[in-house]
All heavy atoms as atom14 arrays in JSON, in Angstrom:
{
  "sequence": "SLMVFSFLPASNLLVTVGFVVAERILYIPSLGFCLLVSHGL",
  "atom14_mask": [
    [1, 1, 1, 1, 1, 1, 0, 0, 0, 0, 0, 0, 0, 0],
    [1, 1, 1, 1, 1, 1, 1, 1, 0, 0, 0, 0, 0, 0],
    [1, 1, 1, 1, 1, 1, 1, 1, 0, 0, 0, 0, 0, 0],
    [1, 1, 1, 1, 1, 1, 1, 0, 0, 0, 0, 0, 0, 0],
    [1, 1, 1, 1, 1, 1, 1, 1, 1, 1, 1, 0, 0, 0],
    [1, 1, 1, 1, 1, 1, 0, 0, 0, 0, 0, 0, 0, 0],
    [1, 1, 1, 1, 1, 1, 1, 1, 1, 1, 1, 0, 0, 0],
    [1, 1, 1, 1, 1, 1, 1, 1, 0, 0, 0, 0, 0, 0],
    [1, 1, 1, 1, 1, 1, 1, 0, 0, 0, 0, 0, 0, 0],
    [1, 1, 1, 1, 1, 0, 0, 0, 0, 0, 0, 0, 0, 0],
    [1, 1, 1, 1, 1, 1, 0, 0, 0, 0, 0, 0, 0, 0],
    [1, 1, 1, 1, 1, 1, 1, 1, 0, 0, 0, 0, 0, 0],
    [1, 1, 1, 1, 1, 1, 1, 1, 0, 0, 0, 0, 0, 0],
    [1, 1, 1, 1, 1, 1, 1, 1, 0, 0, 0, 0, 0, 0],
    [1, 1, 1, 1, 1, 1, 1, 0, 0, 0, 0, 0, 0, 0],
    [1, 1, 1, 1, 1, 1, 1, 0, 0, 0, 0, 0, 0, 0],
    [1, 1, 1, 1, 1, 1, 1, 0, 0, 0, 0, 0, 0, 0],
    [1, 1, 1, 1, 0, 0, 0, 0, 0, 0, 0, 0, 0, 0],
    [1, 1, 1, 1, 1, 1, 1, 1, 1, 1, 1, 0, 0, 0],
    [1, 1, 1, 1, 1, 1, 1, 0, 0, 0, 0, 0, 0, 0],
    [1, 1, 1, 1, 1, 1, 1, 0, 0, 0, 0, 0, 0, 0],
    [1, 1, 1, 1, 1, 0, 0, 0, 0, 0, 0, 0, 0, 0],
    [1, 1, 1, 1, 1, 1, 1, 1, 1, 0, 0, 0, 0, 0],
    [1, 1, 1, 1, 1, 1, 1, 1, 1, 1, 1, 0, 0, 0],
    [1, 1, 1, 1, 1, 1, 1, 1, 0, 0, 0, 0, 0, 0],
    [1, 1, 1, 1, 1, 1, 1, 1, 0, 0, 0, 0, 0, 0],
    [1, 1, 1, 1, 1, 1, 1, 1, 1, 1, 1, 1, 0, 0],
    [1, 1, 1, 1, 1, 1, 1, 1, 0, 0, 0, 0, 0, 0],
    [1, 1, 1, 1, 1, 1, 1, 0, 0, 0, 0, 0, 0, 0],
    [1, 1, 1, 1, 1, 1, 0, 0, 0, 0, 0, 0, 0, 0],
    [1, 1, 1, 1, 1, 1, 1, 1, 0, 0, 0, 0, 0, 0],
    [1, 1, 1, 1, 0, 0, 0, 0, 0, 0, 0, 0, 0, 0],
    [1, 1, 1, 1, 1, 1, 1, 1, 1, 1, 1, 0, 0, 0],
    [1, 1, 1, 1, 1, 1, 0, 0, 0, 0, 0, 0, 0, 0],
    [1, 1, 1, 1, 1, 1, 1, 1, 0, 0, 0, 0, 0, 0],
    [1, 1, 1, 1, 1, 1, 1, 1, 0, 0, 0, 0, 0, 0],
    [1, 1, 1, 1, 1, 1, 1, 0, 0, 0, 0, 0, 0, 0],
    [1, 1, 1, 1, 1, 1, 0, 0, 0, 0, 0, 0, 0, 0],
    [1, 1, 1, 1, 1, 1, 1, 1, 1, 1, 0, 0, 0, 0],
    [1, 1, 1, 1, 0, 0, 0, 0, 0, 0, 0, 0, 0, 0],
    [1, 1, 1, 1, 1, 1, 1, 1, 0, 0, 0, 0, 0, 0]
  ],
  "atom14_positions": [
    [[0.14, -9.65, 8.05], [-1.05, -8.82, 8.27], [-0.7, -7.54, 9.03], [-1.16, -6.45, 8.69], [-2.11, -9.6, 9.05], [-2.53, -10.72, 8.31], [0.0, 0.0, 0.0], [0.0, 0.0, 0.0], [0.0, 0.0, 0.0], [0.0, 0.0, 0.0], [0.0, 0.0, 0.0], [0.0, 0.0, 0.0], [0.0, 0.0, 0.0], [0.0, 0.0, 0.0]],
    [[0.12, -7.71, 10.09], [0.55, -6.54, 10.86], [1.33, -5.56, 10.0], [1.19, -4.34, 10.1], [1.4, -6.97, 12.06], [0.65, -7.51, 13.28], [1.63, -8.11, 14.28], [-0.15, -6.4, 13.95], [0.0, 0.0, 0.0], [0.0, 0.0, 0.0], [0.0, 0.0, 0.0], [0.0, 0.0, 0.0], [0.0, 0.0, 0.0], [0.0, 0.0, 0.0]],
    [[2.19, -6.1, 9.12], [3.01, -5.25, 8.25], [2.16, -4.51, 7.22], [2.29, -3.3, 7.05], [4.06, -6.1, 7.51], [5.29, -6.44, 8.31], [6.42, -7.48, 7.37], [6.94, -6.36, 6.09], [0.0, 0.0, 0.0], [0.0, 0.0, 0.0], [0.0, 0.0, 0.0], [0.0, 0.0, 0.0], [0.0, 0.0, 0.0], [0.0, 0.0, 0.0]],
    [[1.28, -5.25, 6.56], [0.58, -4.69, 5.4], [-0.66, -3.9, 5.81], [-0.8, -2.72, 5.46], [0.2, -5.82, 4.41], [-0.63, -5.25, 3.25], [1.45, -6.5, 3.87], [0.0, 0.0, 0.0], [0.0, 0.0, 0.0], [0.0, 0.0, 0.0], [0.0, 0.0, 0.0], [0.0, 0.0, 0.0], [0.0, 0.0, 0.0], [0.0, 0.0, 0.0]],
    [[-1.56, -4.54, 6.58], [-2.86, -3.9, 6.84], [-2.76, -2.67, 7.75], [-3.55, -1.74, 7.62], [-3.84, -4.93, 7.42], [-4.22, -6.0, 6.43], [-3.95, -7.33, 6.68], [-4.84, -5.66, 5.23], [-4.28, -8.31, 5.76], [-5.18, -6.64, 4.3], [-4.9, -7.96, 4.56], [0.0, 0.0, 0.0], [0.0, 0.0, 0.0], [0.0, 0.0, 0.0]],
    [[-1.78, -2.67, 8.67], [-1.64, -1.49, 9.53], [-1.01, -0.31, 8.78], [-1.15, 0.84, 9.19], [-0.78, -1.82, 10.76], [0.53, -2.18, 10.37], [0.0, 0.0, 0.0], [0.0, 0.0, 0.0], [0.0, 0.0, 0.0], [0.0, 0.0, 0.0], [0.0, 0.0, 0.0], [0.0, 0.0, 0.0], [0.0, 0.0, 0.0], [0.0, 0.0, 0.0]],
    [[-0.34, -0.63, 7.66], [0.3, 0.44, 6.89], [-0.62, 1.0, 5.79], [-0.51, 2.17, 5.42], [1.6, -0.07, 6.26], [2.35, 0.96, 5.45], [2.96, 2.04, 6.07], [2.42, 0.87, 4.07], [3.64, 3.01, 5.34], [3.09, 1.84, 3.33], [3.7, 2.9, 3.97], [0.0, 0.0, 0.0], [0.0, 0.0, 0.0], [0.0, 0.0, 0.0]],
    [[-1.54, 0.18, 5.31], [-2.39, 0.58, 4.18], [-3.13, 1.91, 4.37], [-3.13, 2.74, 3.46], [-3.41, -0.53, 3.87], [-2.97, -1.59, 2.86], [-4.04, -2.65, 2.7], [-2.66, -0.97, 1.49], [0.0, 0.0, 0.0], [0.0, 0.0, 0.0], [0.0, 0.0, 0.0], [0.0, 0.0, 0.0], [0.0, 0.0, 0.0], [0.0, 0.0, 0.0]],
    [[-3.77, 2.15, 5.54], [-4.51, 3.43, 5.67], [-3.64, 4.67, 5.5], [-4.14, 5.73, 5.11], [-5.06, 3.36, 7.1], [-5.08, 1.92, 7.45], [-3.92, 1.32, 6.74], [0.0, 0.0, 0.0], [0.0, 0.0, 0.0], [0.0, 0.0, 0.0], [0.0, 0.0, 0.0], [0.0, 0.0, 0.0], [0.0, 0.0, 0.0], [0.0, 0.0, 0.0]],
    [[-2.34, 4.56, 5.81], [-1.45, 5.72, 5.72], [-0.63, 5.75, 4.43], [0.19, 6.63, 4.23], [-0.5, 5.73, 6.91], [0.0, 0.0, 0.0], [0.0, 0.0, 0.0], [0.0, 0.0, 0.0], [0.0, 0.0, 0.0], [0.0, 0.0, 0.0], [0.0, 0.0, 0.0], [0.0, 0.0, 0.0], [0.0, 0.0, 0.0], [0.0, 0.0, 0.0]],
    [[-0.9, 4.79, 3.53], [-0.04, 4.64, 2.35], [-0.43, 5.55, 1.19], [0.28, 5.62, 0.2], [-0.08, 3.19, 1.87], [-1.4, 2.89, 1.42], [0.0, 0.0, 0.0], [0.0, 0.0, 0.0], [0.0, 0.0, 0.0], [0.0, 0.0, 0.0], [0.0, 0.0, 0.0], [0.0, 0.0, 0.0], [0.0, 0.0, 0.0], [0.0, 0.0, 0.0]],
    [[-1.61, 6.21, 1.28], [-2.17, 7.03, 0.19], [-2.68, 6.21, -0.99], [-3.04, 6.77, -2.02], [-1.17, 8.08, -0.31], [-0.95, 9.2, 0.68], [-1.9, 9.81, 1.15], [0.29, 9.46, 1.02], [0.0, 0.0, 0.0], [0.0, 0.0, 0.0], [0.0, 0.0, 0.0], [0.0, 0.0, 0.0], [0.0, 0.0, 0.0], [0.0, 0.0, 0.0]],
    [[-2.71, 4.88, -0.83], [-3.2, 4.02, -1.92], [-4.72, 4.0, -1.97], [-5.32, 4.03, -3.04], [-2.67, 2.59, -1.76], [-1.16, 2.4, -1.99], [-0.75, 0.98, -1.63], [-0.81, 2.67, -3.46], [0.0, 0.0, 0.0], [0.0, 0.0, 0.0], [0.0, 0.0, 0.0], [0.0, 0.0, 0.0], [0.0, 0.0, 0.0], [0.0, 0.0, 0.0]],
    [[-5.34, 3.92, -0.81], [-6.8, 3.82, -0.75], [-7.45, 5.21, -0.78], [-8.37, 5.46, -1.54], [-7.23, 3.07, 0.52], [-6.66, 1.66, 0.68], [-7.08, 1.06, 2.0], [-7.11, 0.76, -0.49], [0.0, 0.0, 0.0], [0.0, 0.0, 0.0], [0.0, 0.0, 0.0], [0.0, 0.0, 0.0], [0.0, 0.0, 0.0], [0.0, 0.0, 0.0]],
    [[-6.96, 6.1, 0.09], [-7.43, 7.49, 0.12], [-6.23, 8.4, 0.3], [-5.2, 7.98, 0.82], [-8.43, 7.74, 1.28], [-9.75, 7.05, 1.04], [-7.85, 7.32, 2.61], [0.0, 0.0, 0.0], [0.0, 0.0, 0.0], [0.0, 0.0, 0.0], [0.0, 0.0, 0.0], [0.0, 0.0, 0.0], [0.0, 0.0, 0.0], [0.0, 0.0, 0.0]],
    [[-6.37, 9.67, -0.14], [-5.27, 10.63, 0.04], [-5.26, 11.1, 1.49], [-6.21, 11.72, 1.97], [-5.44, 11.83, -0.9], [-5.48, 11.35, -2.24], [-4.27, 12.8, -0.75], [0.0, 0.0, 0.0], [0.0, 0.0, 0.0], [0.0, 0.0, 0.0], [0.0, 0.0, 0.0], [0.0, 0.0, 0.0], [0.0, 0.0, 0.0], [0.0, 0.0, 0.0]],
    [[-4.19, 10.77, 2.19], [-4.06, 11.14, 3.6], [-3.46, 12.54, 3.71], [-3.9, 13.37, 4.49], [-3.2, 10.11, 4.37], [-3.08, 10.5, 5.84], [-3.78, 8.73, 4.23], [0.0, 0.0, 0.0], [0.0, 0.0, 0.0], [0.0, 0.0, 0.0], [0.0, 0.0, 0.0], [0.0, 0.0, 0.0], [0.0, 0.0, 0.0], [0.0, 0.0, 0.0]],
    [[-2.44, 12.8, 2.92], [-1.9, 14.16, 2.84], [-0.73, 14.44, 3.75], [-0.17, 15.52, 3.71], [0.0, 0.0, 0.0], [0.0, 0.0, 0.0], [0.0, 0.0, 0.0], [0.0, 0.0, 0.0], [0.0, 0.0, 0.0], [0.0, 0.0, 0.0], [0.0, 0.0, 0.0], [0.0, 0.0, 0.0], [0.0, 0.0, 0.0], [0.0, 0.0, 0.0]],
    [[-0.32, 13.47, 4.61], [0.87, 13.73, 5.43], [2.01, 12.81, 5.04], [1.82, 11.81, 4.36], [0.56, 13.64, 6.94], [-0.01, 12.31, 7.39], [0.78, 11.18, 7.43], [-1.33, 12.21, 7.8], [0.27, 9.97, 7.84], [-1.85, 11.01, 8.21], [-1.06, 9.87, 8.23], [0.0, 0.0, 0.0], [0.0, 0.0, 0.0], [0.0, 0.0, 0.0]],
    [[3.19, 13.16, 5.5], [4.39, 12.38, 5.17], [4.36, 11.09, 5.98], [3.94, 11.09, 7.13], [5.66, 13.19, 5.54], [6.9, 12.46, 5.08], [5.58, 14.56, 4.92], [0.0, 0.0, 0.0], [0.0, 0.0, 0.0], [0.0, 0.0, 0.0], [0.0, 0.0, 0.0], [0.0, 0.0, 0.0], [0.0, 0.0, 0.0], [0.0, 0.0, 0.0]],
    [[4.82, 9.99, 5.38], [4.92, 8.72, 6.11], [6.0, 8.89, 7.18], [7.17, 9.03, 6.87], [5.26, 7.56, 5.16], [5.46, 6.28, 5.95], [4.15, 7.37, 4.15], [0.0, 0.0, 0.0], [0.0, 0.0, 0.0], [0.0, 0.0, 0.0], [0.0, 0.0, 0.0], [0.0, 0.0, 0.0], [0.0, 0.0, 0.0], [0.0, 0.0, 0.0]],
    [[5.57, 8.92, 8.44], [6.48, 9.26, 9.53], [6.73, 8.04, 10.42], [6.13, 6.99, 10.25], [5.86, 10.38, 10.36], [0.0, 0.0, 0.0], [0.0, 0.0, 0.0], [0.0, 0.0, 0.0], [0.0, 0.0, 0.0], [0.0, 0.0, 0.0], [0.0, 0.0, 0.0], [0.0, 0.0, 0.0], [0.0, 0.0, 0.0], [0.0, 0.0, 0.0]],
    [[7.64, 8.21, 11.39], [8.0, 7.1, 12.28], [6.79, 6.51, 12.97], [6.66, 5.3, 13.07], [9.0, 7.58, 13.35], [10.41, 7.76, 12.85], [10.71, 9.19, 12.43], [9.76, 9.89, 12.03], [11.87, 9.6, 12.49], [0.0, 0.0, 0.0], [0.0, 0.0, 0.0], [0.0, 0.0, 0.0], [0.0, 0.0, 0.0], [0.0, 0.0, 0.0]],
    [[5.87, 7.36, 13.41], [4.71, 6.87, 14.18], [3.84, 5.94, 13.35], [3.13, 5.09, 13.88], [3.89, 8.05, 14.7], [3.24, 8.9, 13.64], [2.49, 10.09, 14.23], [1.83, 10.88, 13.21], [2.41, 11.8, 12.49], [3.7, 12.07, 12.68], [1.74, 12.48, 11.57], [0.0, 0.0, 0.0], [0.0, 0.0, 0.0], [0.0, 0.0, 0.0]],
    [[3.87, 6.1, 12.0], [3.07, 5.25, 11.11], [3.71, 3.87, 10.97], [3.06, 2.92, 10.56], [2.96, 5.92, 9.71], [2.41, 7.34, 9.83], [2.1, 5.12, 8.76], [1.08, 7.43, 10.53], [0.0, 0.0, 0.0], [0.0, 0.0, 0.0], [0.0, 0.0, 0.0], [0.0, 0.0, 0.0], [0.0, 0.0, 0.0], [0.0, 0.0, 0.0]],
    [[4.99, 3.79, 11.3], [5.73, 2.53, 11.06], [5.88, 1.67, 12.3], [6.47, 0.59, 12.23], [7.13, 2.86, 10.51], [7.15, 3.68, 9.21], [8.57, 4.02, 8.82], [6.47, 2.92, 8.08], [0.0, 0.0, 0.0], [0.0, 0.0, 0.0], [0.0, 0.0, 0.0], [0.0, 0.0, 0.0], [0.0, 0.0, 0.0], [0.0, 0.0, 0.0]],
    [[5.35, 2.11, 13.45], [5.51, 1.32, 14.68], [4.91, -0.09, 14.54], [5.58, -1.09, 14.77], [4.85, 2.03, 15.88], [5.58, 3.28, 16.33], [4.88, 4.32, 16.93], [6.96, 3.41, 16.15], [5.54, 5.48, 17.35], [7.61, 4.56, 16.56], [6.91, 5.6, 17.15], [7.56, 6.74, 17.55], [0.0, 0.0, 0.0], [0.0, 0.0, 0.0]],
    [[3.62, -0.18, 14.17], [2.95, -1.48, 14.1], [3.48, -2.3, 12.91], [3.77, -3.49, 13.08], [1.41, -1.32, 14.05], [0.94, -0.64, 15.35], [0.72, -2.67, 13.89], [-0.52, -0.29, 15.38], [0.0, 0.0, 0.0], [0.0, 0.0, 0.0], [0.0, 0.0, 0.0], [0.0, 0.0, 0.0], [0.0, 0.0, 0.0], [0.0, 0.0, 0.0]],
    [[3.65, -1.69, 11.69], [4.27, -2.48, 10.61], [5.65, -3.03, 10.99], [6.01, -4.15, 10.61], [4.38, -1.48, 9.45], [3.3, -0.49, 9.71], [3.22, -0.38, 11.2], [0.0, 0.0, 0.0], [0.0, 0.0, 0.0], [0.0, 0.0, 0.0], [0.0, 0.0, 0.0], [0.0, 0.0, 0.0], [0.0, 0.0, 0.0], [0.0, 0.0, 0.0]],
    [[6.42, -2.24, 11.77], [7.74, -2.7, 12.21], [7.63, -3.9, 13.13], [8.47, -4.82, 13.09], [8.49, -1.58, 12.94], [8.74, -0.53, 12.06], [0.0, 0.0, 0.0], [0.0, 0.0, 0.0], [0.0, 0.0, 0.0], [0.0, 0.0, 0.0], [0.0, 0.0, 0.0], [0.0, 0.0, 0.0], [0.0, 0.0, 0.0], [0.0, 0.0, 0.0]],
    [[6.58, -3.93, 13.95], [6.34, -5.08, 14.83], [6.1, -6.34, 14.0], [6.65, -7.41, 14.29], [5.13, -4.78, 15.72], [4.71, -5.86, 16.71], [5.81, -6.13, 17.73], [3.42, -5.47, 17.42], [0.0, 0.0, 0.0], [0.0, 0.0, 0.0], [0.0, 0.0, 0.0], [0.0, 0.0, 0.0], [0.0, 0.0, 0.0], [0.0, 0.0, 0.0]],
    [[5.3, -6.19, 12.93], [5.06, -7.31, 12.02], [6.35, -7.79, 11.36], [6.6, -8.99, 11.25], [0.0, 0.0, 0.0], [0.0, 0.0, 0.0], [0.0, 0.0, 0.0], [0.0, 0.0, 0.0], [0.0, 0.0, 0.0], [0.0, 0.0, 0.0], [0.0, 0.0, 0.0], [0.0, 0.0, 0.0], [0.0, 0.0, 0.0], [0.0, 0.0, 0.0]],
    [[7.19, -6.83, 10.94], [8.48, -7.16, 10.32], [9.37, -7.93, 11.3], [9.98, -8.94, 10.93], [9.16, -5.87, 9.86], [10.57, -6.06, 9.38], [10.84, -6.62, 8.15], [11.66, -5.69, 10.18], [12.15, -6.81, 7.71], [12.96, -5.88, 9.76], [13.22, -6.43, 8.51], [0.0, 0.0, 0.0], [0.0, 0.0, 0.0], [0.0, 0.0, 0.0]],
    [[9.42, -7.46, 12.56], [10.26, -8.12, 13.57], [9.78, -9.54, 13.84], [10.6, -10.47, 13.97], [10.24, -7.32, 14.88], [11.12, -5.76, 14.76], [0.0, 0.0, 0.0], [0.0, 0.0, 0.0], [0.0, 0.0, 0.0], [0.0, 0.0, 0.0], [0.0, 0.0, 0.0], [0.0, 0.0, 0.0], [0.0, 0.0, 0.0], [0.0, 0.0, 0.0]],
    [[8.46, -9.73, 13.89], [7.91, -11.09, 14.1], [8.27, -12.01, 12.95], [8.63, -13.18, 13.15], [6.39, -11.02, 14.26], [5.85, -10.44, 15.58], [4.35, -10.22, 15.49], [6.17, -11.38, 16.73], [0.0, 0.0, 0.0], [0.0, 0.0, 0.0], [0.0, 0.0, 0.0], [0.0, 0.0, 0.0], [0.0, 0.0, 0.0], [0.0, 0.0, 0.0]],
    [[8.23, -11.47, 11.73], [8.55, -12.25, 10.53], [10.02, -12.65, 10.53], [10.38, -13.8, 10.27], [8.21, -11.43, 9.28], [8.16, -12.18, 7.95], [7.03, -13.2, 7.95], [7.96, -11.2, 6.8], [0.0, 0.0, 0.0], [0.0, 0.0, 0.0], [0.0, 0.0, 0.0], [0.0, 0.0, 0.0], [0.0, 0.0, 0.0], [0.0, 0.0, 0.0]],
    [[10.9, -11.68, 10.83], [12.35, -11.95, 10.88], [12.66, -12.96, 11.98], [13.43, -13.91, 11.79], [13.14, -10.64, 11.1], [14.61, -10.93, 11.4], [13.03, -9.76, 9.87], [0.0, 0.0, 0.0], [0.0, 0.0, 0.0], [0.0, 0.0, 0.0], [0.0, 0.0, 0.0], [0.0, 0.0, 0.0], [0.0, 0.0, 0.0], [0.0, 0.0, 0.0]],
    [[12.01, -12.79, 13.15], [12.23, -13.7, 14.28], [11.83, -15.11, 13.92], [12.56, -16.07, 14.22], [11.41, -13.19, 15.48], [11.43, -14.13, 16.52], [0.0, 0.0, 0.0], [0.0, 0.0, 0.0], [0.0, 0.0, 0.0], [0.0, 0.0, 0.0], [0.0, 0.0, 0.0], [0.0, 0.0, 0.0], [0.0, 0.0, 0.0], [0.0, 0.0, 0.0]],
    [[10.69, -15.25, 13.26], [10.22, -16.58, 12.85], [11.19, -17.21, 11.85], [11.54, -18.39, 11.96], [8.83, -16.47, 12.23], [8.28, -17.78, 11.74], [7.89, -18.8, 12.6], [8.1, -18.25, 10.48], [7.48, -19.83, 11.88], [7.59, -19.52, 10.58], [0.0, 0.0, 0.0], [0.0, 0.0, 0.0], [0.0, 0.0, 0.0], [0.0, 0.0, 0.0]],
    [[11.67, -16.42, 10.89], [12.61, -16.92, 9.89], [13.92, -17.38, 10.52], [14.48, -18.41, 10.14], [0.0, 0.0, 0.0], [0.0, 0.0, 0.0], [0.0, 0.0, 0.0], [0.0, 0.0, 0.0], [0.0, 0.0, 0.0], [0.0, 0.0, 0.0], [0.0, 0.0, 0.0], [0.0, 0.0, 0.0], [0.0, 0.0, 0.0], [0.0, 0.0, 0.0]],
    [[14.41, -16.59, 11.48], [15.67, -16.95, 12.15], [15.51, -18.24, 12.95], [16.42, -19.1, 12.97], [16.11, -15.82, 13.09], [16.66, -14.56, 12.41], [16.87, -13.46, 13.43], [17.99, -14.86, 11.69], [0.0, 0.0, 0.0], [0.0, 0.0, 0.0], [0.0, 0.0, 0.0], [0.0, 0.0, 0.0], [0.0, 0.0, 0.0], [0.0, 0.0, 0.0]]
  ]
}
């Protein structure tokens, strides 16, 4: 949920945002990714 839903508003899939996908957009999705990797390990 952290990976997908926090990234969706900035993905240009739902609405045209108009800016480049930047580091600041990936902070919360990255947290979700880290939790997933940690759980798998």
